[in-house]
């Protein structure tokens, strides 16, 4: 549960995940 790791995850993958969610 390292905060910086989750920040990295969000910064790098939120765009791709958002596009998947937006399609549905």
PDBML (XML) file of the C-alpha atoms, coordinates in Angstrom:
<?xml version="1.0" encoding="UTF-8" ?>
<PDBx:datablock datablockName="MODEL"
   xmlns:PDBx="http://pdbml.pdb.org/schema/pdbx-v50.xsd"
   xmlns:xsi="http://www.w3.org/2001/XMLSchema-instance"
   xsi:schemaLocation="http://pdbml.pdb.org/schema/pdbx-v50.xsd pdbx-v50.xsd">
   <PDBx:atom_siteCategory>
      <PDBx:atom_site id="1">
         <PDBx:B_iso_or_equiv>0.00</PDBx:B_iso_or_equiv>
         <PDBx:Cartn_x>0.000</PDBx:Cartn_x>
         <PDBx:Cartn_y>0.000</PDBx:Cartn_y>
         <PDBx:Cartn_z>0.000</PDBx:Cartn_z>
         <PDBx:auth_asym_id>A</PDBx:auth_asym_id>
         <PDBx:auth_atom_id>CA</PDBx:auth_atom_id>
         <PDBx:auth_comp_id>UNK</PDBx:auth_comp_id>
         <PDBx:auth_seq_id>1</PDBx:auth_seq_id>
         <PDBx:group_PDB>ATOM</PDBx:group_PDB>
         <PDBx:label_alt_id xsi:nil="true" />
         <PDBx:label_asym_id>A</PDBx:label_asym_id>
         <PDBx:label_atom_id>CA</PDBx:label_atom_id>
         <PDBx:label_comp_id>UNK</PDBx:label_comp_id>
         <PDBx:label_entity_id>1</PDBx:label_entity_id>
         <PDBx:label_seq_id>1</PDBx:label_seq_id>
         <PDBx:occupancy>1.00</PDBx:occupancy>
         <PDBx:pdbx_PDB_model_num>1</PDBx:pdbx_PDB_model_num>
         <PDBx:type_symbol>C</PDBx:type_symbol>
      </PDBx:atom_site>
      <PDBx:atom_site id="2">
         <PDBx:B_iso_or_equiv>0.00</PDBx:B_iso_or_equiv>
         <PDBx:Cartn_x>2.784</PDBx:Cartn_x>
         <PDBx:Cartn_y>2.396</PDBx:Cartn_y>
         <PDBx:Cartn_z>-0.935</PDBx:Cartn_z>
         <PDBx:auth_asym_id>A</PDBx:auth_asym_id>
         <PDBx:auth_atom_id>CA</PDBx:auth_atom_id>
         <PDBx:auth_comp_id>UNK</PDBx:auth_comp_id>
         <PDBx:auth_seq_id>2</PDBx:auth_seq_id>
         <PDBx:group_PDB>ATOM</PDBx:group_PDB>
         <PDBx:label_alt_id xsi:nil="true" />
         <PDBx:label_asym_id>A</PDBx:label_asym_id>
         <PDBx:label_atom_id>CA</PDBx:label_atom_id>
         <PDBx:label_comp_id>UNK</PDBx:label_comp_id>
         <PDBx:label_entity_id>1</PDBx:label_entity_id>
         <PDBx:label_seq_id>2</PDBx:label_seq_id>
         <PDBx:occupancy>1.00</PDBx:occupancy>
         <PDBx:pdbx_PDB_model_num>1</PDBx:pdbx_PDB_model_num>
         <PDBx:type_symbol>C</PDBx:type_symbol>
      </PDBx:atom_site>
      <PDBx:atom_site id="3">
         <PDBx:B_iso_or_equiv>0.00</PDBx:B_iso_or_equiv>
         <PDBx:Cartn_x>1.209</PDBx:Cartn_x>
         <PDBx:Cartn_y>5.755</PDBx:Cartn_y>
         <PDBx:Cartn_z>-1.867</PDBx:Cartn_z>
         <PDBx:auth_asym_id>A</PDBx:auth_asym_id>
         <PDBx:auth_atom_id>CA</PDBx:auth_atom_id>
         <PDBx:auth_comp_id>UNK</PDBx:auth_comp_id>
         <PDBx:auth_seq_id>3</PDBx:auth_seq_id>
         <PDBx:group_PDB>ATOM</PDBx:group_PDB>
         <PDBx:label_alt_id xsi:nil="true" />
         <PDBx:label_asym_id>A</PDBx:label_asym_id>
         <PDBx:label_atom_id>CA</PDBx:label_atom_id>
         <PDBx:label_comp_id>UNK</PDBx:label_comp_id>
         <PDBx:label_entity_id>1</PDBx:label_entity_id>
         <PDBx:label_seq_id>3</PDBx:label_seq_id>
         <PDBx:occupancy>1.00</PDBx:occupancy>
         <PDBx:pdbx_PDB_model_num>1</PDBx:pdbx_PDB_model_num>
         <PDBx:type_symbol>C</PDBx:type_symbol>
      </PDBx:atom_site>
      <PDBx:atom_site id="4">
         <PDBx:B_iso_or_equiv>0.00</PDBx:B_iso_or_equiv>
         <PDBx:Cartn_x>3.860</PDBx:Cartn_x>
         <PDBx:Cartn_y>6.581</PDBx:Cartn_y>
         <PDBx:Cartn_z>-4.481</PDBx:Cartn_z>
         <PDBx:auth_asym_id>A</PDBx:auth_asym_id>
         <PDBx:auth_atom_id>CA</PDBx:auth_atom_id>
         <PDBx:auth_comp_id>UNK</PDBx:auth_comp_id>
         <PDBx:auth_seq_id>4</PDBx:auth_seq_id>
         <PDBx:group_PDB>ATOM</PDBx:group_PDB>
         <PDBx:label_alt_id xsi:nil="true" />
         <PDBx:label_asym_id>A</PDBx:label_asym_id>
         <PDBx:label_atom_id>CA</PDBx:label_atom_id>
         <PDBx:label_comp_id>UNK</PDBx:label_comp_id>
         <PDBx:label_entity_id>1</PDBx:label_entity_id>
         <PDBx:label_seq_id>4</PDBx:label_seq_id>
         <PDBx:occupancy>1.00</PDBx:occupancy>
         <PDBx:pdbx_PDB_model_num>1</PDBx:pdbx_PDB_model_num>
         <PDBx:type_symbol>C</PDBx:type_symbol>
      </PDBx:atom_site>
      <PDBx:atom_site id="5">
         <PDBx:B_iso_or_equiv>0.00</PDBx:B_iso_or_equiv>
         <PDBx:Cartn_x>3.327</PDBx:Cartn_x>
         <PDBx:Cartn_y>3.269</PDBx:Cartn_y>
         <PDBx:Cartn_z>-6.249</PDBx:Cartn_z>
         <PDBx:auth_asym_id>A</PDBx:auth_asym_id>
         <PDBx:auth_atom_id>CA</PDBx:auth_atom_id>
         <PDBx:auth_comp_id>UNK</PDBx:auth_comp_id>
         <PDBx:auth_seq_id>5</PDBx:auth_seq_id>
         <PDBx:group_PDB>ATOM</PDBx:group_PDB>
         <PDBx:label_alt_id xsi:nil="true" />
         <PDBx:label_asym_id>A</PDBx:label_asym_id>
         <PDBx:label_atom_id>CA</PDBx:label_atom_id>
         <PDBx:label_comp_id>UNK</PDBx:label_comp_id>
         <PDBx:label_entity_id>1</PDBx:label_entity_id>
         <PDBx:label_seq_id>5</PDBx:label_seq_id>
         <PDBx:occupancy>1.00</PDBx:occupancy>
         <PDBx:pdbx_PDB_model_num>1</PDBx:pdbx_PDB_model_num>
         <PDBx:type_symbol>C</PDBx:type_symbol>
      </PDBx:atom_site>
      <PDBx:atom_site id="6">
         <PDBx:B_iso_or_equiv>0.00</PDBx:B_iso_or_equiv>
         <PDBx:Cartn_x>-0.382</PDBx:Cartn_x>
         <PDBx:Cartn_y>3.931</PDBx:Cartn_y>
         <PDBx:Cartn_z>-6.541</PDBx:Cartn_z>
         <PDBx:auth_asym_id>A</PDBx:auth_asym_id>
         <PDBx:auth_atom_id>CA</PDBx:auth_atom_id>
         <PDBx:auth_comp_id>UNK</PDBx:auth_comp_id>
         <PDBx:auth_seq_id>6</PDBx:auth_seq_id>
         <PDBx:group_PDB>ATOM</PDBx:group_PDB>
         <PDBx:label_alt_id xsi:nil="true" />
         <PDBx:label_asym_id>A</PDBx:label_asym_id>
         <PDBx:label_atom_id>CA</PDBx:label_atom_id>
         <PDBx:label_comp_id>UNK</PDBx:label_comp_id>
         <PDBx:label_entity_id>1</PDBx:label_entity_id>
         <PDBx:label_seq_id>6</PDBx:label_seq_id>
         <PDBx:occupancy>1.00</PDBx:occupancy>
         <PDBx:pdbx_PDB_model_num>1</PDBx:pdbx_PDB_model_num>
         <PDBx:type_symbol>C</PDBx:type_symbol>
      </PDBx:atom_site>
      <PDBx:atom_site id="7">
         <PDBx:B_iso_or_equiv>0.00</PDBx:B_iso_or_equiv>
         <PDBx:Cartn_x>0.284</PDBx:Cartn_x>
         <PDBx:Cartn_y>7.458</PDBx:Cartn_y>
         <PDBx:Cartn_z>-7.752</PDBx:Cartn_z>
         <PDBx:auth_asym_id>A</PDBx:auth_asym_id>
         <PDBx:auth_atom_id>CA</PDBx:auth_atom_id>
         <PDBx:auth_comp_id>UNK</PDBx:auth_comp_id>
         <PDBx:auth_seq_id>7</PDBx:auth_seq_id>
         <PDBx:group_PDB>ATOM</PDBx:group_PDB>
         <PDBx:label_alt_id xsi:nil="true" />
         <PDBx:label_asym_id>A</PDBx:label_asym_id>
         <PDBx:label_atom_id>CA</PDBx:label_atom_id>
         <PDBx:label_comp_id>UNK</PDBx:label_comp_id>
         <PDBx:label_entity_id>1</PDBx:label_entity_id>
         <PDBx:label_seq_id>7</PDBx:label_seq_id>
         <PDBx:occupancy>1.00</PDBx:occupancy>
         <PDBx:pdbx_PDB_model_num>1</PDBx:pdbx_PDB_model_num>
         <PDBx:type_symbol>C</PDBx:type_symbol>
      </PDBx:atom_site>
      <PDBx:atom_site id="8">
         <PDBx:B_iso_or_equiv>0.00</PDBx:B_iso_or_equiv>
         <PDBx:Cartn_x>2.547</PDBx:Cartn_x>
         <PDBx:Cartn_y>5.999</PDBx:Cartn_y>
         <PDBx:Cartn_z>-10.429</PDBx:Cartn_z>
         <PDBx:auth_asym_id>A</PDBx:auth_asym_id>
         <PDBx:auth_atom_id>CA</PDBx:auth_atom_id>
         <PDBx:auth_comp_id>UNK</PDBx:auth_comp_id>
         <PDBx:auth_seq_id>8</PDBx:auth_seq_id>
         <PDBx:group_PDB>ATOM</PDBx:group_PDB>
         <PDBx:label_alt_id xsi:nil="true" />
         <PDBx:label_asym_id>A</PDBx:label_asym_id>
         <PDBx:label_atom_id>CA</PDBx:label_atom_id>
         <PDBx:label_comp_id>UNK</PDBx:label_comp_id>
         <PDBx:label_entity_id>1</PDBx:label_entity_id>
         <PDBx:label_seq_id>8</PDBx:label_seq_id>
         <PDBx:occupancy>1.00</PDBx:occupancy>
         <PDBx:pdbx_PDB_model_num>1</PDBx:pdbx_PDB_model_num>
         <PDBx:type_symbol>C</PDBx:type_symbol>
      </PDBx:atom_site>
      <PDBx:atom_site id="9">
         <PDBx:B_iso_or_equiv>0.00</PDBx:B_iso_or_equiv>
         <PDBx:Cartn_x>-0.165</PDBx:Cartn_x>
         <PDBx:Cartn_y>3.479</PDBx:Cartn_y>
         <PDBx:Cartn_z>-11.323</PDBx:Cartn_z>
         <PDBx:auth_asym_id>A</PDBx:auth_asym_id>
         <PDBx:auth_atom_id>CA</PDBx:auth_atom_id>
         <PDBx:auth_comp_id>UNK</PDBx:auth_comp_id>
         <PDBx:auth_seq_id>9</PDBx:auth_seq_id>
         <PDBx:group_PDB>ATOM</PDBx:group_PDB>
         <PDBx:label_alt_id xsi:nil="true" />
         <PDBx:label_asym_id>A</PDBx:label_asym_id>
         <PDBx:label_atom_id>CA</PDBx:label_atom_id>
         <PDBx:label_comp_id>UNK</PDBx:label_comp_id>
         <PDBx:label_entity_id>1</PDBx:label_entity_id>
         <PDBx:label_seq_id>9</PDBx:label_seq_id>
         <PDBx:occupancy>1.00</PDBx:occupancy>
         <PDBx:pdbx_PDB_model_num>1</PDBx:pdbx_PDB_model_num>
         <PDBx:type_symbol>C</PDBx:type_symbol>
      </PDBx:atom_site>
      <PDBx:atom_site id="10">
         <PDBx:B_iso_or_equiv>0.00</PDBx:B_iso_or_equiv>
         <PDBx:Cartn_x>-2.779</PDBx:Cartn_x>
         <PDBx:Cartn_y>6.222</PDBx:Cartn_y>
         <PDBx:Cartn_z>-11.611</PDBx:Cartn_z>
         <PDBx:auth_asym_id>A</PDBx:auth_asym_id>
         <PDBx:auth_atom_id>CA</PDBx:auth_atom_id>
         <PDBx:auth_comp_id>UNK</PDBx:auth_comp_id>
         <PDBx:auth_seq_id>10</PDBx:auth_seq_id>
         <PDBx:group_PDB>ATOM</PDBx:group_PDB>
         <PDBx:label_alt_id xsi:nil="true" />
         <PDBx:label_asym_id>A</PDBx:label_asym_id>
         <PDBx:label_atom_id>CA</PDBx:label_atom_id>
         <PDBx:label_comp_id>UNK</PDBx:label_comp_id>
         <PDBx:label_entity_id>1</PDBx:label_entity_id>
         <PDBx:label_seq_id>10</PDBx:label_seq_id>
         <PDBx:occupancy>1.00</PDBx:occupancy>
         <PDBx:pdbx_PDB_model_num>1</PDBx:pdbx_PDB_model_num>
         <PDBx:type_symbol>C</PDBx:type_symbol>
      </PDBx:atom_site>
      <PDBx:atom_site id="11">
         <PDBx:B_iso_or_equiv>0.00</PDBx:B_iso_or_equiv>
         <PDBx:Cartn_x>-0.547</PDBx:Cartn_x>
         <PDBx:Cartn_y>8.559</PDBx:Cartn_y>
         <PDBx:Cartn_z>-13.616</PDBx:Cartn_z>
         <PDBx:auth_asym_id>A</PDBx:auth_asym_id>
         <PDBx:auth_atom_id>CA</PDBx:auth_atom_id>
         <PDBx:auth_comp_id>UNK</PDBx:auth_comp_id>
         <PDBx:auth_seq_id>11</PDBx:auth_seq_id>
         <PDBx:group_PDB>ATOM</PDBx:group_PDB>
         <PDBx:label_alt_id xsi:nil="true" />
         <PDBx:label_asym_id>A</PDBx:label_asym_id>
         <PDBx:label_atom_id>CA</PDBx:label_atom_id>
         <PDBx:label_comp_id>UNK</PDBx:label_comp_id>
         <PDBx:label_entity_id>1</PDBx:label_entity_id>
         <PDBx:label_seq_id>11</PDBx:label_seq_id>
         <PDBx:occupancy>1.00</PDBx:occupancy>
         <PDBx:pdbx_PDB_model_num>1</PDBx:pdbx_PDB_model_num>
         <PDBx:type_symbol>C</PDBx:type_symbol>
      </PDBx:atom_site>
      <PDBx:atom_site id="12">
         <PDBx:B_iso_or_equiv>0.00</PDBx:B_iso_or_equiv>
         <PDBx:Cartn_x>0.392</PDBx:Cartn_x>
         <PDBx:Cartn_y>5.877</PDBx:Cartn_y>
         <PDBx:Cartn_z>-16.127</PDBx:Cartn_z>
         <PDBx:auth_asym_id>A</PDBx:auth_asym_id>
         <PDBx:auth_atom_id>CA</PDBx:auth_atom_id>
         <PDBx:auth_comp_id>UNK</PDBx:auth_comp_id>
         <PDBx:auth_seq_id>12</PDBx:auth_seq_id>
         <PDBx:group_PDB>ATOM</PDBx:group_PDB>
         <PDBx:label_alt_id xsi:nil="true" />
         <PDBx:label_asym_id>A</PDBx:label_asym_id>
         <PDBx:label_atom_id>CA</PDBx:label_atom_id>
         <PDBx:label_comp_id>UNK</PDBx:label_comp_id>
         <PDBx:label_entity_id>1</PDBx:label_entity_id>
         <PDBx:label_seq_id>12</PDBx:label_seq_id>
         <PDBx:occupancy>1.00</PDBx:occupancy>
         <PDBx:pdbx_PDB_model_num>1</PDBx:pdbx_PDB_model_num>
         <PDBx:type_symbol>C</PDBx:type_symbol>
      </PDBx:atom_site>
      <PDBx:atom_site id="13">
         <PDBx:B_iso_or_equiv>0.00</PDBx:B_iso_or_equiv>
         <PDBx:Cartn_x>-2.820</PDBx:Cartn_x>
         <PDBx:Cartn_y>3.879</PDBx:Cartn_y>
         <PDBx:Cartn_z>-16.492</PDBx:Cartn_z>
         <PDBx:auth_asym_id>A</PDBx:auth_asym_id>
         <PDBx:auth_atom_id>CA</PDBx:auth_atom_id>
         <PDBx:auth_comp_id>UNK</PDBx:auth_comp_id>
         <PDBx:auth_seq_id>13</PDBx:auth_seq_id>
         <PDBx:group_PDB>ATOM</PDBx:group_PDB>
         <PDBx:label_alt_id xsi:nil="true" />
         <PDBx:label_asym_id>A</PDBx:label_asym_id>
         <PDBx:label_atom_id>CA</PDBx:label_atom_id>
         <PDBx:label_comp_id>UNK</PDBx:label_comp_id>
         <PDBx:label_entity_id>1</PDBx:label_entity_id>
         <PDBx:label_seq_id>13</PDBx:label_seq_id>
         <PDBx:occupancy>1.00</PDBx:occupancy>
         <PDBx:pdbx_PDB_model_num>1</PDBx:pdbx_PDB_model_num>
         <PDBx:type_symbol>C</PDBx:type_symbol>
      </PDBx:atom_site>
      <PDBx:atom_site id="14">
         <PDBx:B_iso_or_equiv>0.00</PDBx:B_iso_or_equiv>
         <PDBx:Cartn_x>-5.767</PDBx:Cartn_x>
         <PDBx:Cartn_y>6.181</PDBx:Cartn_y>
         <PDBx:Cartn_z>-15.740</PDBx:Cartn_z>
         <PDBx:auth_asym_id>A</PDBx:auth_asym_id>
         <PDBx:auth_atom_id>CA</PDBx:auth_atom_id>
         <PDBx:auth_comp_id>UNK</PDBx:auth_comp_id>
         <PDBx:auth_seq_id>14</PDBx:auth_seq_id>
         <PDBx:group_PDB>ATOM</PDBx:group_PDB>
         <PDBx:label_alt_id xsi:nil="true" />
         <PDBx:label_asym_id>A</PDBx:label_asym_id>
         <PDBx:label_atom_id>CA</PDBx:label_atom_id>
         <PDBx:label_comp_id>UNK</PDBx:label_comp_id>
         <PDBx:label_entity_id>1</PDBx:label_entity_id>
         <PDBx:label_seq_id>14</PDBx:label_seq_id>
         <PDBx:occupancy>1.00</PDBx:occupancy>
         <PDBx:pdbx_PDB_model_num>1</PDBx:pdbx_PDB_model_num>
         <PDBx:type_symbol>C</PDBx:type_symbol>
      </PDBx:atom_site>
      <PDBx:atom_site id="15">
         <PDBx:B_iso_or_equiv>0.00</PDBx:B_iso_or_equiv>
         <PDBx:Cartn_x>-6.054</PDBx:Cartn_x>
         <PDBx:Cartn_y>7.327</PDBx:Cartn_y>
         <PDBx:Cartn_z>-19.369</PDBx:Cartn_z>
         <PDBx:auth_asym_id>A</PDBx:auth_asym_id>
         <PDBx:auth_atom_id>CA</PDBx:auth_atom_id>
         <PDBx:auth_comp_id>UNK</PDBx:auth_comp_id>
         <PDBx:auth_seq_id>15</PDBx:auth_seq_id>
         <PDBx:group_PDB>ATOM</PDBx:group_PDB>
         <PDBx:label_alt_id xsi:nil="true" />
         <PDBx:label_asym_id>A</PDBx:label_asym_id>
         <PDBx:label_atom_id>CA</PDBx:label_atom_id>
         <PDBx:label_comp_id>UNK</PDBx:label_comp_id>
         <PDBx:label_entity_id>1</PDBx:label_entity_id>
         <PDBx:label_seq_id>15</PDBx:label_seq_id>
         <PDBx:occupancy>1.00</PDBx:occupancy>
         <PDBx:pdbx_PDB_model_num>1</PDBx:pdbx_PDB_model_num>
         <PDBx:type_symbol>C</PDBx:type_symbol>
      </PDBx:atom_site>
      <PDBx:atom_site id="16">
         <PDBx:B_iso_or_equiv>0.00</PDBx:B_iso_or_equiv>
         <PDBx:Cartn_x>-6.312</PDBx:Cartn_x>
         <PDBx:Cartn_y>3.803</PDBx:Cartn_y>
         <PDBx:Cartn_z>-20.749</PDBx:Cartn_z>
         <PDBx:auth_asym_id>A</PDBx:auth_asym_id>
         <PDBx:auth_atom_id>CA</PDBx:auth_atom_id>
         <PDBx:auth_comp_id>UNK</PDBx:auth_comp_id>
         <PDBx:auth_seq_id>16</PDBx:auth_seq_id>
         <PDBx:group_PDB>ATOM</PDBx:group_PDB>
         <PDBx:label_alt_id xsi:nil="true" />
         <PDBx:label_asym_id>A</PDBx:label_asym_id>
         <PDBx:label_atom_id>CA</PDBx:label_atom_id>
         <PDBx:label_comp_id>UNK</PDBx:label_comp_id>
         <PDBx:label_entity_id>1</PDBx:label_entity_id>
         <PDBx:label_seq_id>16</PDBx:label_seq_id>
         <PDBx:occupancy>1.00</PDBx:occupancy>
         <PDBx:pdbx_PDB_model_num>1</PDBx:pdbx_PDB_model_num>
         <PDBx:type_symbol>C</PDBx:type_symbol>
      </PDBx:atom_site>
      <PDBx:atom_site id="17">
         <PDBx:B_iso_or_equiv>0.00</PDBx:B_iso_or_equiv>
         <PDBx:Cartn_x>-8.749</PDBx:Cartn_x>
         <PDBx:Cartn_y>2.709</PDBx:Cartn_y>
         <PDBx:Cartn_z>-18.047</PDBx:Cartn_z>
         <PDBx:auth_asym_id>A</PDBx:auth_asym_id>
         <PDBx:auth_atom_id>CA</PDBx:auth_atom_id>
         <PDBx:auth_comp_id>UNK</PDBx:auth_comp_id>
         <PDBx:auth_seq_id>17</PDBx:auth_seq_id>
         <PDBx:group_PDB>ATOM</PDBx:group_PDB>
         <PDBx:label_alt_id xsi:nil="true" />
         <PDBx:label_asym_id>A</PDBx:label_asym_id>
         <PDBx:label_atom_id>CA</PDBx:label_atom_id>
         <PDBx:label_comp_id>UNK</PDBx:label_comp_id>
         <PDBx:label_entity_id>1</PDBx:label_entity_id>
         <PDBx:label_seq_id>17</PDBx:label_seq_id>
         <PDBx:occupancy>1.00</PDBx:occupancy>
         <PDBx:pdbx_PDB_model_num>1</PDBx:pdbx_PDB_model_num>
         <PDBx:type_symbol>C</PDBx:type_symbol>
      </PDBx:atom_site>
      <PDBx:atom_site id="18">
         <PDBx:B_iso_or_equiv>0.00</PDBx:B_iso_or_equiv>
         <PDBx:Cartn_x>-10.858</PDBx:Cartn_x>
         <PDBx:Cartn_y>5.837</PDBx:Cartn_y>
         <PDBx:Cartn_z>-18.554</PDBx:Cartn_z>
         <PDBx:auth_asym_id>A</PDBx:auth_asym_id>
         <PDBx:auth_atom_id>CA</PDBx:auth_atom_id>
         <PDBx:auth_comp_id>UNK</PDBx:auth_comp_id>
         <PDBx:auth_seq_id>18</PDBx:auth_seq_id>
         <PDBx:group_PDB>ATOM</PDBx:group_PDB>
         <PDBx:label_alt_id xsi:nil="true" />
         <PDBx:label_asym_id>A</PDBx:label_asym_id>
         <PDBx:label_atom_id>CA</PDBx:label_atom_id>
         <PDBx:label_comp_id>UNK</PDBx:label_comp_id>
         <PDBx:label_entity_id>1</PDBx:label_entity_id>
         <PDBx:label_seq_id>18</PDBx:label_seq_id>
         <PDBx:occupancy>1.00</PDBx:occupancy>
         <PDBx:pdbx_PDB_model_num>1</PDBx:pdbx_PDB_model_num>
         <PDBx:type_symbol>C</PDBx:type_symbol>
      </PDBx:atom_site>
      <PDBx:atom_site id="19">
         <PDBx:B_iso_or_equiv>0.00</PDBx:B_iso_or_equiv>
         <PDBx:Cartn_x>-11.218</PDBx:Cartn_x>
         <PDBx:Cartn_y>5.073</PDBx:Cartn_y>
         <PDBx:Cartn_z>-22.269</PDBx:Cartn_z>
         <PDBx:auth_asym_id>A</PDBx:auth_asym_id>
         <PDBx:auth_atom_id>CA</PDBx:auth_atom_id>
         <PDBx:auth_comp_id>UNK</PDBx:auth_comp_id>
         <PDBx:auth_seq_id>19</PDBx:auth_seq_id>
         <PDBx:group_PDB>ATOM</PDBx:group_PDB>
         <PDBx:label_alt_id xsi:nil="true" />
         <PDBx:label_asym_id>A</PDBx:label_asym_id>
         <PDBx:label_atom_id>CA</PDBx:label_atom_id>
         <PDBx:label_comp_id>UNK</PDBx:label_comp_id>
         <PDBx:label_entity_id>1</PDBx:label_entity_id>
         <PDBx:label_seq_id>19</PDBx:label_seq_id>
         <PDBx:occupancy>1.00</PDBx:occupancy>
         <PDBx:pdbx_PDB_model_num>1</PDBx:pdbx_PDB_model_num>
         <PDBx:type_symbol>C</PDBx:type_symbol>
      </PDBx:atom_site>
      <PDBx:atom_site id="20">
         <PDBx:B_iso_or_equiv>0.00</PDBx:B_iso_or_equiv>
         <PDBx:Cartn_x>-12.408</PDBx:Cartn_x>
         <PDBx:Cartn_y>1.531</PDBx:Cartn_y>
         <PDBx:Cartn_z>-21.466</PDBx:Cartn_z>
         <PDBx:auth_asym_id>A</PDBx:auth_asym_id>
         <PDBx:auth_atom_id>CA</PDBx:auth_atom_id>
         <PDBx:auth_comp_id>UNK</PDBx:auth_comp_id>
         <PDBx:auth_seq_id>20</PDBx:auth_seq_id>
         <PDBx:group_PDB>ATOM</PDBx:group_PDB>
         <PDBx:label_alt_id xsi:nil="true" />
         <PDBx:label_asym_id>A</PDBx:label_asym_id>
         <PDBx:label_atom_id>CA</PDBx:label_atom_id>
         <PDBx:label_comp_id>UNK</PDBx:label_comp_id>
         <PDBx:label_entity_id>1</PDBx:label_entity_id>
         <PDBx:label_seq_id>20</PDBx:label_seq_id>
         <PDBx:occupancy>1.00</PDBx:occupancy>
         <PDBx:pdbx_PDB_model_num>1</PDBx:pdbx_PDB_model_num>
         <PDBx:type_symbol>C</PDBx:type_symbol>
      </PDBx:atom_site>
      <PDBx:atom_site id="21">
         <PDBx:B_iso_or_equiv>0.00</PDBx:B_iso_or_equiv>
         <PDBx:Cartn_x>-14.946</PDBx:Cartn_x>
         <PDBx:Cartn_y>2.846</PDBx:Cartn_y>
         <PDBx:Cartn_z>-18.949</PDBx:Cartn_z>
         <PDBx:auth_asym_id>A</PDBx:auth_asym_id>
         <PDBx:auth_atom_id>CA</PDBx:auth_atom_id>
         <PDBx:auth_comp_id>UNK</PDBx:auth_comp_id>
         <PDBx:auth_seq_id>21</PDBx:auth_seq_id>
         <PDBx:group_PDB>ATOM</PDBx:group_PDB>
         <PDBx:label_alt_id xsi:nil="true" />
         <PDBx:label_asym_id>A</PDBx:label_asym_id>
         <PDBx:label_atom_id>CA</PDBx:label_atom_id>
         <PDBx:label_comp_id>UNK</PDBx:label_comp_id>
         <PDBx:label_entity_id>1</PDBx:label_entity_id>
         <PDBx:label_seq_id>21</PDBx:label_seq_id>
         <PDBx:occupancy>1.00</PDBx:occupancy>
         <PDBx:pdbx_PDB_model_num>1</PDBx:pdbx_PDB_model_num>
         <PDBx:type_symbol>C</PDBx:type_symbol>
      </PDBx:atom_site>
      <PDBx:atom_site id="22">
         <PDBx:B_iso_or_equiv>0.00</PDBx:B_iso_or_equiv>
         <PDBx:Cartn_x>-16.112</PDBx:Cartn_x>
         <PDBx:Cartn_y>5.555</PDBx:Cartn_y>
         <PDBx:Cartn_z>-21.363</PDBx:Cartn_z>
         <PDBx:auth_asym_id>A</PDBx:auth_asym_id>
         <PDBx:auth_atom_id>CA</PDBx:auth_atom_id>
         <PDBx:auth_comp_id>UNK</PDBx:auth_comp_id>
         <PDBx:auth_seq_id>22</PDBx:auth_seq_id>
         <PDBx:group_PDB>ATOM</PDBx:group_PDB>
         <PDBx:label_alt_id xsi:nil="true" />
         <PDBx:label_asym_id>A</PDBx:label_asym_id>
         <PDBx:label_atom_id>CA</PDBx:label_atom_id>
         <PDBx:label_comp_id>UNK</PDBx:label_comp_id>
         <PDBx:label_entity_id>1</PDBx:label_entity_id>
         <PDBx:label_seq_id>22</PDBx:label_seq_id>
         <PDBx:occupancy>1.00</PDBx:occupancy>
         <PDBx:pdbx_PDB_model_num>1</PDBx:pdbx_PDB_model_num>
         <PDBx:type_symbol>C</PDBx:type_symbol>
      </PDBx:atom_site>
      <PDBx:atom_site id="23">
         <PDBx:B_iso_or_equiv>0.00</PDBx:B_iso_or_equiv>
         <PDBx:Cartn_x>-16.794</PDBx:Cartn_x>
         <PDBx:Cartn_y>2.966</PDBx:Cartn_y>
         <PDBx:Cartn_z>-24.060</PDBx:Cartn_z>
         <PDBx:auth_asym_id>A</PDBx:auth_asym_id>
         <PDBx:auth_atom_id>CA</PDBx:auth_atom_id>
         <PDBx:auth_comp_id>UNK</PDBx:auth_comp_id>
         <PDBx:auth_seq_id>23</PDBx:auth_seq_id>
         <PDBx:group_PDB>ATOM</PDBx:group_PDB>
         <PDBx:label_alt_id xsi:nil="true" />
         <PDBx:label_asym_id>A</PDBx:label_asym_id>
         <PDBx:label_atom_id>CA</PDBx:label_atom_id>
         <PDBx:label_comp_id>UNK</PDBx:label_comp_id>
         <PDBx:label_entity_id>1</PDBx:label_entity_id>
         <PDBx:label_seq_id>23</PDBx:label_seq_id>
         <PDBx:occupancy>1.00</PDBx:occupancy>
         <PDBx:pdbx_PDB_model_num>1</PDBx:pdbx_PDB_model_num>
         <PDBx:type_symbol>C</PDBx:type_symbol>
      </PDBx:atom_site>
      <PDBx:atom_site id="24">
         <PDBx:B_iso_or_equiv>0.00</PDBx:B_iso_or_equiv>
         <PDBx:Cartn_x>-19.203</PDBx:Cartn_x>
         <PDBx:Cartn_y>1.173</PDBx:Cartn_y>
         <PDBx:Cartn_z>-21.745</PDBx:Cartn_z>
         <PDBx:auth_asym_id>A</PDBx:auth_asym_id>
         <PDBx:auth_atom_id>CA</PDBx:auth_atom_id>
         <PDBx:auth_comp_id>UNK</PDBx:auth_comp_id>
         <PDBx:auth_seq_id>24</PDBx:auth_seq_id>
         <PDBx:group_PDB>ATOM</PDBx:group_PDB>
         <PDBx:label_alt_id xsi:nil="true" />
         <PDBx:label_asym_id>A</PDBx:label_asym_id>
         <PDBx:label_atom_id>CA</PDBx:label_atom_id>
         <PDBx:label_comp_id>UNK</PDBx:label_comp_id>
         <PDBx:label_entity_id>1</PDBx:label_entity_id>
         <PDBx:label_seq_id>24</PDBx:label_seq_id>
         <PDBx:occupancy>1.00</PDBx:occupancy>
         <PDBx:pdbx_PDB_model_num>1</PDBx:pdbx_PDB_model_num>
         <PDBx:type_symbol>C</PDBx:type_symbol>
      </PDBx:atom_site>
   </PDBx:atom_siteCategory>
</PDBx:datablock>
